[in-house]
Amino acid sequence: MEGDTYSGLDNGTQLDGKVVQIFQKSFVQVQNILDQNRFLINEINQNHESKIPDNLSRNVGLIRELNNNIRRVVDLYADLSSTFSKSKDTSSEEDLSVAMRSDAKAGHKRNRPV
């Protein structure tokens, strides 16, 4: 898949295959964390409803784990955003480079409106 491009975005933007792989991997990680959070929240709710002191004490650790998971999700999305921005910058630089080369070949002629 390396060197492949993906043009599934509405505006015709192409993404490098490596970027798509990074996105897929990150989204799988996010989904796994969110699934784990669902189980944590269910356990926290059950412990809370039981009102058993040991279960309520256990919730402290579970809530900390939940908060850490949320931080991890935020970090993953921040990394995704950065990766996407860098890929767009690289793509834009390549487009600009190609455009500049084609302008140089054309002799920098400007078309004037009639």
PDB file of N, CA and C in Angstrom:
ATOM      1  N   MET A   1       0.821  -1.189   0.000  1.00  0.00           N
ATOM      2  CA  MET A   1       0.000   0.000   0.000  1.00  0.00           C
ATOM      3  C   MET A   1       0.867   1.256   0.000  1.00  0.00           C
ATOM      4  N   GLU A   2       2.152   1.120   0.338  1.00  0.00           N
ATOM      5  CA  GLU A   2       3.031   2.280   0.364  1.00  0.00           C
ATOM      6  C   GLU A   2       3.114   2.910  -1.013  1.00  0.00           C
ATOM      7  N   GLY A   3       3.013   4.237  -1.044  1.00  0.00           N
ATOM      8  CA  GLY A   3       3.035   4.928  -2.314  1.00  0.00           C
ATOM      9  C   GLY A   3       1.663   5.044  -2.944  1.00  0.00           C
ATOM     10  N   ASP A   4       0.695   4.274  -2.434  1.00  0.00           N
ATOM     11  CA  ASP A   4      -0.668   4.377  -2.945  1.00  0.00           C
ATOM     12  C   ASP A   4      -1.277   5.680  -2.465  1.00  0.00           C
ATOM     13  N   THR A   5      -2.318   6.097  -3.146  1.00  0.00           N
ATOM     14  CA  THR A   5      -3.043   7.277  -2.690  1.00  0.00           C
ATOM     15  C   THR A   5      -4.497   6.920  -2.524  1.00  0.00           C
ATOM     16  N   TYR A   6      -5.157   7.668  -1.686  1.00  0.00           N
ATOM     17  CA  TYR A   6      -6.573   7.464  -1.432  1.00  0.00           C
ATOM     18  C   TYR A   6      -7.270   8.772  -1.746  1.00  0.00           C
ATOM     19  N   SER A   7      -8.239   8.733  -2.630  1.00  0.00           N
ATOM     20  CA  SER A   7      -8.912   9.974  -3.014  1.00  0.00           C
ATOM     21  C   SER A   7     -10.384   9.940  -2.641  1.00  0.00           C
ATOM     22  N   GLY A   8     -10.704   9.316  -1.520  1.00  0.00           N
ATOM     23  CA  GLY A   8     -12.083   9.170  -1.108  1.00  0.00           C
ATOM     24  C   GLY A   8     -12.670  10.395  -0.438  1.00  0.00           C
ATOM     25  N   LEU A   9     -11.920  11.465  -0.343  1.00  0.00           N
ATOM     26  CA  LEU A   9     -12.456  12.663   0.277  1.00  0.00           C
ATOM     27  C   LEU A   9     -13.254  13.452  -0.741  1.00  0.00           C
ATOM     28  N   ASP A  10     -14.260  14.156  -0.270  1.00  0.00           N
ATOM     29  CA  ASP A  10     -15.181  14.868  -1.153  1.00  0.00           C
ATOM     30  C   ASP A  10     -14.505  15.897  -2.045  1.00  0.00           C
ATOM     31  N   ASN A  11     -13.472  16.555  -1.538  1.00  0.00           N
ATOM     32  CA  ASN A  11     -12.867  17.621  -2.319  1.00  0.00           C
ATOM     33  C   ASN A  11     -11.759  17.124  -3.246  1.00  0.00           C
ATOM     34  N   GLY A  12     -11.632  15.811  -3.414  1.00  0.00           N
ATOM     35  CA  GLY A  12     -10.658  15.253  -4.345  1.00  0.00           C
ATOM     36  C   GLY A  12      -9.252  15.165  -3.783  1.00  0.00           C
ATOM     37  N   THR A  13      -9.070  15.481  -2.510  1.00  0.00           N
ATOM     38  CA  THR A  13      -7.762  15.426  -1.880  1.00  0.00           C
ATOM     39  C   THR A  13      -7.260  13.990  -1.873  1.00  0.00           C
ATOM     40  N   GLN A  14      -5.990  13.823  -2.158  1.00  0.00           N
ATOM     41  CA  GLN A  14      -5.410  12.486  -2.125  1.00  0.00           C
ATOM     42  C   GLN A  14      -4.528  12.352  -0.892  1.00  0.00           C
ATOM     43  N   LEU A  15      -4.607  11.192  -0.247  1.00  0.00           N
ATOM     44  CA  LEU A  15      -3.792  10.908   0.917  1.00  0.00           C
ATOM     45  C   LEU A  15      -2.858   9.753   0.601  1.00  0.00           C
ATOM     46  N   ASP A  16      -1.650   9.853   1.103  1.00  0.00           N
ATOM     47  CA  ASP A  16      -0.681   8.790   0.958  1.00  0.00           C
ATOM     48  C   ASP A  16      -1.185   7.545   1.694  1.00  0.00           C
ATOM     49  N   GLY A  17      -0.902   6.366   1.151  1.00  0.00           N
ATOM     50  CA  GLY A  17      -1.327   5.112   1.766  1.00  0.00           C
ATOM     51  C   GLY A  17      -0.827   4.956   3.182  1.00  0.00           C
ATOM     52  N   LYS A  18       0.366   5.476   3.456  1.00  0.00           N
ATOM     53  CA  LYS A  18       0.930   5.379   4.805  1.00  0.00           C
ATOM     54  C   LYS A  18       0.087   6.184   5.792  1.00  0.00           C
ATOM     55  N   VAL A  19      -0.392   7.343   5.362  1.00  0.00           N
ATOM     56  CA  VAL A  19      -1.240   8.175   6.213  1.00  0.00           C
ATOM     57  C   VAL A  19      -2.551   7.447   6.499  1.00  0.00           C
ATOM     58  N   VAL A  20      -3.117   6.809   5.486  1.00  0.00           N
ATOM     59  CA  VAL A  20      -4.366   6.065   5.663  1.00  0.00           C
ATOM     60  C   VAL A  20      -4.148   4.929   6.657  1.00  0.00           C
ATOM     61  N   GLN A  21      -3.012   4.248   6.572  1.00  0.00           N
ATOM     62  CA  GLN A  21      -2.712   3.167   7.517  1.00  0.00           C
ATOM     63  C   GLN A  21      -2.614   3.712   8.941  1.00  0.00           C
ATOM     64  N   ILE A  22      -1.990   4.878   9.103  1.00  0.00           N
ATOM     65  CA  ILE A  22      -1.884   5.498  10.427  1.00  0.00           C
ATOM     66  C   ILE A  22      -3.275   5.821  10.960  1.00  0.00           C
ATOM     67  N   PHE A  23      -4.136   6.373  10.091  1.00  0.00           N
ATOM     68  CA  PHE A  23      -5.506   6.681  10.496  1.00  0.00           C
ATOM     69  C   PHE A  23      -6.227   5.422  10.946  1.00  0.00           C
ATOM     70  N   GLN A  24      -6.135   4.368  10.139  1.00  0.00           N
ATOM     71  CA  GLN A  24      -6.834   3.126  10.465  1.00  0.00           C
ATOM     72  C   GLN A  24      -6.355   2.567  11.799  1.00  0.00           C
ATOM     73  N   LYS A  25      -5.047   2.549  12.002  1.00  0.00           N
ATOM     74  CA  LYS A  25      -4.476   2.030  13.249  1.00  0.00           C
ATOM     75  C   LYS A  25      -4.955   2.861  14.439  1.00  0.00           C
ATOM     76  N   SER A  26      -4.947   4.176  14.282  1.00  0.00           N
ATOM     77  CA  SER A  26      -5.362   5.054  15.381  1.00  0.00           C
ATOM     78  C   SER A  26      -6.844   4.894  15.690  1.00  0.00           C
ATOM     79  N   PHE A  27      -7.658   4.779  14.648  1.00  0.00           N
ATOM     80  CA  PHE A  27      -9.092   4.615  14.884  1.00  0.00           C
ATOM     81  C   PHE A  27      -9.394   3.295  15.572  1.00  0.00           C
ATOM     82  N   VAL A  28      -8.643   2.252  15.260  1.00  0.00           N
ATOM     83  CA  VAL A  28      -8.815   0.965  15.949  1.00  0.00           C
ATOM     84  C   VAL A  28      -8.440   1.124  17.419  1.00  0.00           C
ATOM     85  N   GLN A  29      -7.333   1.830  17.689  1.00  0.00           N
ATOM     86  CA  GLN A  29      -6.926   2.061  19.077  1.00  0.00           C
ATOM     87  C   GLN A  29      -7.998   2.849  19.837  1.00  0.00           C
ATOM     88  N   VAL A  30      -8.513   3.893  19.204  1.00  0.00           N
ATOM     89  CA  VAL A  30      -9.552   4.701  19.836  1.00  0.00           C
ATOM     90  C   VAL A  30     -10.778   3.839  20.133  1.00  0.00           C
ATOM     91  N   GLN A  31     -11.202   3.049  19.161  1.00  0.00           N
ATOM     92  CA  GLN A  31     -12.386   2.212  19.366  1.00  0.00           C
ATOM     93  C   GLN A  31     -12.173   1.222  20.500  1.00  0.00           C
ATOM     94  N   ASN A  32     -10.971   0.635  20.590  1.00  0.00           N
ATOM     95  CA  ASN A  32     -10.679  -0.302  21.678  1.00  0.00           C
ATOM     96  C   ASN A  32     -10.755   0.389  23.037  1.00  0.00           C
ATOM     97  N   ILE A  33     -10.222   1.603  23.115  1.00  0.00           N
ATOM     98  CA  ILE A  33     -10.263   2.355  24.377  1.00  0.00           C
ATOM     99  C   ILE A  33     -11.709   2.707  24.728  1.00  0.00           C
ATOM    100  N   LEU A  34     -12.484   3.132  23.731  1.00  0.00           N
ATOM    101  CA  LEU A  34     -13.888   3.475  23.991  1.00  0.00           C
ATOM    102  C   LEU A  34     -14.686   2.259  24.440  1.00  0.00           C
ATOM    103  N   ASP A  35     -14.390   1.095  23.873  1.00  0.00           N
ATOM    104  CA  ASP A  35     -15.040  -0.144  24.319  1.00  0.00           C
ATOM    105  C   ASP A  35     -14.689  -0.440  25.773  1.00  0.00           C
ATOM    106  N   GLN A  36     -13.409  -0.267  26.100  1.00  0.00           N
ATOM    107  CA  GLN A  36     -12.967  -0.485  27.479  1.00  0.00           C
ATOM    108  C   GLN A  36     -13.668   0.509  28.418  1.00  0.00           C
ATOM    109  N   ASN A  37     -13.810   1.752  27.964  1.00  0.00           N
ATOM    110  CA  ASN A  37     -14.495   2.760  28.780  1.00  0.00           C
ATOM    111  C   ASN A  37     -15.949   2.375  29.053  1.00  0.00           C
ATOM    112  N   ARG A  38     -16.595   1.799  28.062  1.00  0.00           N
ATOM    113  CA  ARG A  38     -17.979   1.368  28.250  1.00  0.00           C
ATOM    114  C   ARG A  38     -18.058   0.340  29.384  1.00  0.00           C
ATOM    115  N   PHE A  39     -17.118  -0.617  29.397  1.00  0.00           N
ATOM    116  CA  PHE A  39     -17.109  -1.621  30.458  1.00  0.00           C
ATOM    117  C   PHE A  39     -16.807  -0.984  31.815  1.00  0.00           C
ATOM    118  N   LEU A  40     -15.862  -0.033  31.824  1.00  0.00           N
ATOM    119  CA  LEU A  40     -15.537   0.657  33.074  1.00  0.00           C
ATOM    120  C   LEU A  40     -16.746   1.414  33.613  1.00  0.00           C
ATOM    121  N   ILE A  41     -17.437   2.116  32.738  1.00  0.00           N
ATOM    122  CA  ILE A  41     -18.608   2.891  33.165  1.00  0.00           C
ATOM    123  C   ILE A  41     -19.691   1.962  33.705  1.00  0.00           C
ATOM    124  N   ASN A  42     -19.894   0.832  33.048  1.00  0.00           N
ATOM    125  CA  ASN A  42     -20.881  -0.134  33.555  1.00  0.00           C
ATOM    126  C   ASN A  42     -20.500  -0.633  34.942  1.00  0.00           C
ATOM    127  N   GLU A  43     -19.214  -0.945  35.129  1.00  0.00           N
ATOM    128  CA  GLU A  43     -18.770  -1.429  36.442  1.00  0.00           C
ATOM    129  C   GLU A  43     -18.883  -0.331  37.497  1.00  0.00           C
ATOM    130  N   ILE A  44     -18.538   0.886  37.124  1.00  0.00           N
ATOM    131  CA  ILE A  44     -18.658   2.013  38.055  1.00  0.00           C
ATOM    132  C   ILE A  44     -20.122   2.187  38.480  1.00  0.00           C
ATOM    133  N   ASN A  45     -21.029   2.124  37.516  1.00  0.00           N
ATOM    134  CA  ASN A  45     -22.452   2.259  37.828  1.00  0.00           C
ATOM    135  C   ASN A  45     -22.945   1.146  38.741  1.00  0.00           C
ATOM    136  N   GLN A  46     -22.530  -0.094  38.457  1.00  0.00           N
ATOM    137  CA  GLN A  46     -22.944  -1.223  39.297  1.00  0.00           C
ATOM    138  C   GLN A  46     -22.418  -1.055  40.718  1.00  0.00           C
ATOM    139  N   ASN A  47     -21.149  -0.644  40.828  1.00  0.00           N
ATOM    140  CA  ASN A  47     -20.563  -0.435  42.156  1.00  0.00           C
ATOM    141  C   ASN A  47     -21.294   0.672  42.902  1.00  0.00           C
ATOM    142  N   HIS A  48     -21.637   1.719  42.199  1.00  0.00           N
ATOM    143  CA  HIS A  48     -22.328   2.837  42.821  1.00  0.00           C
ATOM    144  C   HIS A  48     -23.721   2.418  43.313  1.00  0.00           C
ATOM    145  N   GLU A  49     -24.424   1.669  42.471  1.00  0.00           N
ATOM    146  CA  GLU A  49     -25.772   1.222  42.835  1.00  0.00           C
ATOM    147  C   GLU A  49     -25.756   0.237  43.995  1.00  0.00           C
ATOM    148  N   SER A  50     -24.685  -0.536  44.135  1.00  0.00           N
ATOM    149  CA  SER A  50     -24.608  -1.521  45.217  1.00  0.00           C
ATOM    150  C   SER A  50     -24.421  -0.850  46.582  1.00  0.00           C
ATOM    151  N   LYS A  51     -23.813   0.316  46.593  1.00  0.00           N
ATOM    152  CA  LYS A  51     -23.553   1.082  47.824  1.00  0.00           C
ATOM    153  C   LYS A  51     -22.712   0.291  48.837  1.00  0.00           C
ATOM    154  N   ILE A  52     -22.023  -0.733  48.361  1.00  0.00           N
ATOM    155  CA  ILE A  52     -21.124  -1.508  49.224  1.00  0.00           C
ATOM    156  C   ILE A  52     -19.812  -0.732  49.334  1.00  0.00           C
ATOM    157  N   PRO A  53     -19.340  -0.488  50.564  1.00  0.00           N
ATOM    158  CA  PRO A  53     -18.143   0.355  50.736  1.00  0.00           C
ATOM    159  C   PRO A  53     -16.927  -0.090  49.915  1.00  0.00           C
ATOM    160  N   ASP A  54     -16.662  -1.378  49.852  1.00  0.00           N
ATOM    161  CA  ASP A  54     -15.509  -1.849  49.064  1.00  0.00           C
ATOM    162  C   ASP A  54     -15.687  -1.526  47.576  1.00  0.00           C
ATOM    163  N   ASN A  55     -16.901  -1.677  47.079  1.00  0.00           N
ATOM    164  CA  ASN A  55     -17.170  -1.370  45.673  1.00  0.00           C
ATOM    165  C   ASN A  55     -17.039   0.125  45.396  1.00  0.00           C
ATOM    166  N   LEU A  56     -17.521   0.935  46.346  1.00  0.00           N
ATOM    167  CA  LEU A  56     -17.406   2.387  46.180  1.00  0.00           C
ATOM    168  C   LEU A  56     -15.936   2.815  46.204  1.00  0.00           C
ATOM    169  N   SER A  57     -15.135   2.162  47.055  1.00  0.00           N
ATOM    170  CA  SER A  57     -13.697   2.460  47.096  1.00  0.00           C
ATOM    171  C   SER A  57     -13.023   2.059  45.787  1.00  0.00           C
ATOM    172  N   ARG A  58     -13.459   0.949  45.238  1.00  0.00           N
ATOM    173  CA  ARG A  58     -12.901   0.486  43.958  1.00  0.00           C
ATOM    174  C   ARG A  58     -13.193   1.481  42.841  1.00  0.00           C
ATOM    175  N   ASN A  59     -14.305   2.193  42.935  1.00  0.00           N
ATOM    176  CA  ASN A  59     -14.663   3.167  41.902  1.00  0.00           C
ATOM    177  C   ASN A  59     -13.618   4.264  41.738  1.00  0.00           C
ATOM    178  N   VAL A  60     -12.925   4.590  42.822  1.00  0.00           N
ATOM    179  CA  VAL A  60     -11.891   5.629  42.734  1.00  0.00           C
ATOM    180  C   VAL A  60     -10.852   5.235  41.684  1.00  0.00           C
ATOM    181  N   GLY A  61     -10.361   4.016  41.750  1.00  0.00           N
ATOM    182  CA  GLY A  61      -9.385   3.529  40.776  1.00  0.00           C
ATOM    183  C   GLY A  61      -9.972   3.399  39.383  1.00  0.00           C
ATOM    184  N   LEU A  62     -11.225   2.950  39.317  1.00  0.00           N
ATOM    185  CA  LEU A  62     -11.874   2.795  38.011  1.00  0.00           C
ATOM    186  C   LEU A  62     -12.069   4.151  37.328  1.00  0.00           C
ATOM    187  N   ILE A  63     -12.443   5.147  38.108  1.00  0.00           N
ATOM    188  CA  ILE A  63     -12.629   6.491  37.548  1.00  0.00           C
ATOM    189  C   ILE A  63     -11.297   7.065  37.089  1.00  0.00           C
ATOM    190  N   ARG A  64     -10.234   6.799  37.840  1.00  0.00           N
ATOM    191  CA  ARG A  64      -8.896   7.250  37.398  1.00  0.00           C
ATOM    192  C   ARG A  64      -8.520   6.592  36.072  1.00  0.00           C
ATOM    193  N   GLU A  65      -8.792   5.292  35.981  1.00  0.00           N
ATOM    194  CA  GLU A  65      -8.500   4.580  34.737  1.00  0.00           C
ATOM    195  C   GLU A  65      -9.319   5.150  33.581  1.00  0.00           C
ATOM    196  N   LEU A  66     -10.582   5.451  33.843  1.00  0.00           N
ATOM    197  CA  LEU A  66     -11.452   6.049  32.834  1.00  0.00           C
ATOM    198  C   LEU A  66     -10.899   7.399  32.377  1.00  0.00           C
ATOM    199  N   ASN A  67     -10.480   8.228  33.323  1.00  0.00           N
ATOM    200  CA  ASN A  67      -9.903   9.535  32.977  1.00  0.00           C
ATOM    201  C   ASN A  67      -8.627   9.389  32.149  1.00  0.00           C
ATOM    202  N   ASN A  68      -7.791   8.433  32.519  1.00  0.00           N
ATOM    203  CA  ASN A  68      -6.560   8.199  31.748  1.00  0.00           C
ATOM    204  C   ASN A  68      -6.887   7.745  30.327  1.00  0.00           C
ATOM    205  N   ASN A  69      -7.902   6.905  30.199  1.00  0.00           N
ATOM    206  CA  ASN A  69      -8.319   6.449  28.868  1.00  0.00           C
ATOM    207  C   ASN A  69      -8.819   7.612  28.025  1.00  0.00           C
ATOM    208  N   ILE A  70      -9.575   8.507  28.655  1.00  0.00           N
ATOM    209  CA  ILE A  70     -10.072   9.675  27.925  1.00  0.00           C
ATOM    210  C   ILE A  70      -8.903  10.532  27.454  1.00  0.00           C
ATOM    211  N   ARG A  71      -7.897  10.698  28.298  1.00  0.00           N
ATOM    212  CA  ARG A  71      -6.691  11.452  27.898  1.00  0.00           C
ATOM    213  C   ARG A  71      -6.004  10.785  26.708  1.00  0.00           C
ATOM    214  N   ARG A  72      -5.939   9.450  26.741  1.00  0.00           N
ATOM    215  CA  ARG A  72      -5.317   8.726  25.630  1.00  0.00           C
ATOM    216  C   ARG A  72      -6.076   8.950  24.328  1.00  0.00           C
ATOM    217  N   VAL A  73      -7.410   8.946  24.397  1.00  0.00           N
ATOM    218  CA  VAL A  73      -8.223   9.192  23.207  1.00  0.00           C
ATOM    219  C   VAL A  73      -7.966  10.599  22.676  1.00  0.00           C
ATOM    220  N   VAL A  74      -7.928  11.571  23.569  1.00  0.00           N
ATOM    221  CA  VAL A  74      -7.654  12.954  23.161  1.00  0.00           C
ATOM    222  C   VAL A  74      -6.282  13.040  22.499  1.00  0.00           C
ATOM    223  N   ASP A  75      -5.287  12.383  23.078  1.00  0.00           N
ATOM    224  CA  ASP A  75      -3.936  12.384  22.500  1.00  0.00           C
ATOM    225  C   ASP A  75      -3.923  11.730  21.124  1.00  0.00           C
ATOM    226  N   LEU A  76      -4.633  10.632  20.987  1.00  0.00           N
ATOM    227  CA  LEU A  76      -4.686   9.954  19.684  1.00  0.00           C
ATOM    228  C   LEU A  76      -5.322  10.857  18.631  1.00  0.00           C
ATOM    229  N   TYR A  77      -6.408  11.541  18.995  1.00  0.00           N
ATOM    230  CA  TYR A  77      -7.049  12.451  18.043  1.00  0.00           C
ATOM    231  C   TYR A  77      -6.142  13.639  17.721  1.00  0.00           C
ATOM    232  N   ALA A  78      -5.396  14.129  18.701  1.00  0.00           N
ATOM    233  CA  ALA A  78      -4.454  15.225  18.450  1.00  0.00           C
ATOM    234  C   ALA A  78      -3.363  14.764  17.487  1.00  0.00           C
ATOM    235  N   ASP A  79      -2.870  13.543  17.690  1.00  0.00           N
ATOM    236  CA  ASP A  79      -1.858  12.992  16.783  1.00  0.00           C
ATOM    237  C   ASP A  79      -2.424  12.826  15.372  1.00  0.00           C
ATOM    238  N   LEU A  80      -3.663  12.364  15.285  1.00  0.00           N
ATOM    239  CA  LEU A  80      -4.308  12.217  13.980  1.00  0.00           C
ATOM    240  C   LEU A  80      -4.428  13.572  13.281  1.00  0.00           C
ATOM    241  N   SER A  81      -4.825  14.563  14.027  1.00  0.00           N
ATOM    242  CA  SER A  81      -4.967  15.907  13.461  1.00  0.00           C
ATOM    243  C   SER A  81      -3.630  16.412  12.945  1.00  0.00           C
ATOM    244  N   SER A  82      -2.592  16.200  13.731  1.00  0.00           N
ATOM    245  CA  SER A  82      -1.255  16.623  13.331  1.00  0.00           C
ATOM    246  C   SER A  82      -0.780  15.867  12.091  1.00  0.00           C
ATOM    247  N   THR A  83      -1.006  14.568  12.078  1.00  0.00           N
ATOM    248  CA  THR A  83      -0.623  13.750  10.921  1.00  0.00           C
ATOM    249  C   THR A  83      -1.344  14.216   9.668  1.00  0.00           C
ATOM    250  N   PHE A  84      -2.647  14.480   9.808  1.00  0.00           N
ATOM    251  CA  PHE A  84      -3.426  14.926   8.655  1.00  0.00           C
ATOM    252  C   PHE A  84      -2.926  16.288   8.166  1.00  0.00           C
ATOM    253  N   SER A  85      -2.668  17.200   9.103  1.00  0.00           N
ATOM    254  CA  SER A  85      -2.175  18.528   8.723  1.00  0.00           C
ATOM    255  C   SER A  85      -0.834  18.431   8.009  1.00  0.00           C
ATOM    256  N   LYS A  86       0.054  17.604   8.539  1.00  0.00           N
ATOM    257  CA  LYS A  86       1.368  17.438   7.906  1.00  0.00           C
ATOM    258  C   LYS A  86       1.234  16.837   6.519  1.00  0.00           C
ATOM    259  N   SER A  87       0.322  15.867   6.380  1.00  0.00           N
ATOM    260  CA  SER A  87       0.144  15.244   5.071  1.00  0.00           C
ATOM    261  C   SER A  87      -0.443  16.250   4.087  1.00  0.00           C
ATOM    262  N   LYS A  88      -1.347  17.101   4.551  1.00  0.00           N
ATOM    263  CA  LYS A  88      -1.923  18.129   3.689  1.00  0.00           C
ATOM    264  C   LYS A  88      -0.859  19.159   3.312  1.00  0.00           C
ATOM    265  N   ASP A  89       0.004  19.543   4.276  1.00  0.00           N
ATOM    266  CA  ASP A  89       1.077  20.498   3.992  1.00  0.00           C
ATOM    267  C   ASP A  89       2.031  19.928   2.955  1.00  0.00           C
ATOM    268  N   THR A  90       2.399  18.654   3.125  1.00  0.00           N
ATOM    269  CA  THR A  90       3.299  18.004   2.182  1.00  0.00           C
ATOM    270  C   THR A  90       2.644  17.940   0.806  1.00  0.00           C
ATOM    271  N   SER A  91       1.369  17.573   0.789  1.00  0.00           N
ATOM    272  CA  SER A  91       0.633  17.492  -0.467  1.00  0.00           C
ATOM    273  C   SER A  91       0.555  18.865  -1.121  1.00  0.00           C
ATOM    274  N   SER A  92       0.293  19.905  -0.345  1.00  0.00           N
ATOM    275  CA  SER A  92       0.203  21.261  -0.884  1.00  0.00           C
ATOM    276  C   SER A  92       1.551  21.735  -1.413  1.00  0.00           C
ATOM    277  N   GLU A  93       2.629  21.388  -0.688  1.00  0.00           N
ATOM    278  CA  GLU A  93       3.968  21.764  -1.141  1.00  0.00           C
ATOM    279  C   GLU A  93       4.296  21.081  -2.459  1.00  0.00           C
ATOM    280  N   GLU A  94       3.911  19.802  -2.579  1.00  0.00           N
ATOM    281  CA  GLU A  94       4.164  19.081  -3.832  1.00  0.00           C
ATOM    282  C   GLU A  94       3.360  19.701  -4.967  1.00  0.00           C
ATOM    283  N   ASP A  95       2.085  20.037  -4.698  1.00  0.00           N
ATOM    284  CA  ASP A  95       1.247  20.672  -5.711  1.00  0.00           C
ATOM    285  C   ASP A  95       1.838  22.006  -6.144  1.00  0.00           C
ATOM    286  N   LEU A  96       2.316  22.791  -5.171  1.00  0.00           N
ATOM    287  CA  LEU A  96       2.911  24.088  -5.469  1.00  0.00           C
ATOM    288  C   LEU A  96       4.179  23.905  -6.296  1.00  0.00           C
ATOM    289  N   SER A  97       4.985  22.923  -5.934  1.00  0.00           N
ATOM    290  CA  SER A  97       6.216  22.649  -6.664  1.00  0.00           C
ATOM    291  C   SER A  97       5.918  22.284  -8.109  1.00  0.00           C
ATOM    292  N   VAL A  98       4.934  21.414  -8.325  1.00  0.00           N
ATOM    293  CA  VAL A  98       4.549  21.017  -9.678  1.00  0.00           C
ATOM    294  C   VAL A  98       4.028  22.224 -10.442  1.00  0.00           C
ATOM    295  N   ALA A  99       3.206  23.043  -9.800  1.00  0.00           N
ATOM    296  CA  ALA A  99       2.653  24.229 -10.461  1.00  0.00           C
ATOM    297  C   ALA A  99       3.759  25.211 -10.839  1.00  0.00           C
ATOM    298  N   MET A 100       4.734  25.367  -9.936  1.00  0.00           N
ATOM    299  CA  MET A 100       5.831  26.300 -10.228  1.00  0.00           C
ATOM    300  C   MET A 100       6.665  25.796 -11.392  1.00  0.00           C
ATOM    301  N   ARG A 101       6.917  24.491 -11.450  1.00  0.00           N
ATOM    302  CA  ARG A 101       7.681  23.937 -12.558  1.00  0.00           C
ATOM    303  C   ARG A 101       6.929  24.115 -13.873  1.00  0.00           C
ATOM    304  N   SER A 102       5.619  23.923 -13.835  1.00  0.00           N
ATOM    305  CA  SER A 102       4.851  24.055 -15.069  1.00  0.00           C
ATOM    306  C   SER A 102       4.771  25.520 -15.487  1.00  0.00           C
ATOM    307  N   ASP A 103       4.741  26.454 -14.530  1.00  0.00           N
ATOM    308  CA  ASP A 103       4.774  27.884 -14.863  1.00  0.00           C
ATOM    309  C   ASP A 103       6.112  28.252 -15.496  1.00  0.00           C
ATOM    310  N   ALA A 104       7.178  27.673 -14.968  1.00  0.00           N
ATOM    311  CA  ALA A 104       8.506  27.978 -15.502  1.00  0.00           C
ATOM    312  C   ALA A 104       8.621  27.494 -16.940  1.00  0.00           C
ATOM    313  N   LYS A 105       8.054  26.330 -17.224  1.00  0.00           N
ATOM    314  CA  LYS A 105       8.090  25.800 -18.589  1.00  0.00           C
ATOM    315  C   LYS A 105       7.250  26.655 -19.527  1.00  0.00           C
ATOM    316  N   ALA A 106       6.176  27.258 -19.006  1.00  0.00           N
ATOM    317  CA  ALA A 106       5.277  28.039 -19.835  1.00  0.00           C
ATOM    318  C   ALA A 106       5.786  29.458 -20.056  1.00  0.00           C
ATOM    319  N   GLY A 107       6.900  29.794 -19.429  1.00  0.00           N
ATOM    320  CA  GLY A 107       7.461  31.122 -19.626  1.00  0.00           C
ATOM    321  C   GLY A 107       6.762  32.188 -18.804  1.00  0.00           C
ATOM    322  N   HIS A 108       6.097  31.814 -17.752  1.00  0.00           N
ATOM    323  CA  HIS A 108       5.409  32.738 -16.845  1.00  0.00           C
ATOM    324  C   HIS A 108       4.442  33.665 -17.571  1.00  0.00           C
ATOM    325  N   LYS A 109       3.747  33.195 -18.547  1.00  0.00           N
ATOM    326  CA  LYS A 109       2.774  34.015 -19.269  1.00  0.00           C
ATOM    327  C   LYS A 109       1.522  34.154 -18.432  1.00  0.00           C
ATOM    328  N   ARG A 110       0.996  35.373 -18.412  1.00  0.00           N
ATOM    329  CA  ARG A 110      -0.257  35.626 -17.733  1.00  0.00           C
ATOM    330  C   ARG A 110      -1.342  35.841 -18.758  1.00  0.00           C
ATOM    331  N   ASN A 111      -2.466  35.221 -18.532  1.00  0.00           N
ATOM    332  CA  ASN A 111      -3.609  35.441 -19.395  1.00  0.00           C
ATOM    333  C   ASN A 111      -4.382  36.643 -18.897  1.00  0.00           C
ATOM    334  N   ARG A 112      -4.609  37.586 -19.794  1.00  0.00           N
ATOM    335  CA  ARG A 112      -5.364  38.772 -19.420  1.00  0.00           C
ATOM    336  C   ARG A 112      -6.812  38.604 -19.843  1.00  0.00           C
ATOM    337  N   PRO A 113      -7.725  39.063 -18.982  1.00  0.00           N
ATOM    338  CA  PRO A 113      -9.141  38.975 -19.362  1.00  0.00           C
ATOM    339  C   PRO A 113      -9.437  39.859 -20.557  1.00  0.00           C
ATOM    340  N   VAL A 114     -10.348  39.444 -21.399  1.00  0.00           N
ATOM    341  CA  VAL A 114     -10.694  40.206 -22.619  1.00  0.00           C
ATOM    342  C   VAL A 114     -11.707  41.256 -22.318  1.00  0.00           C
TER     343      VAL A 114
END
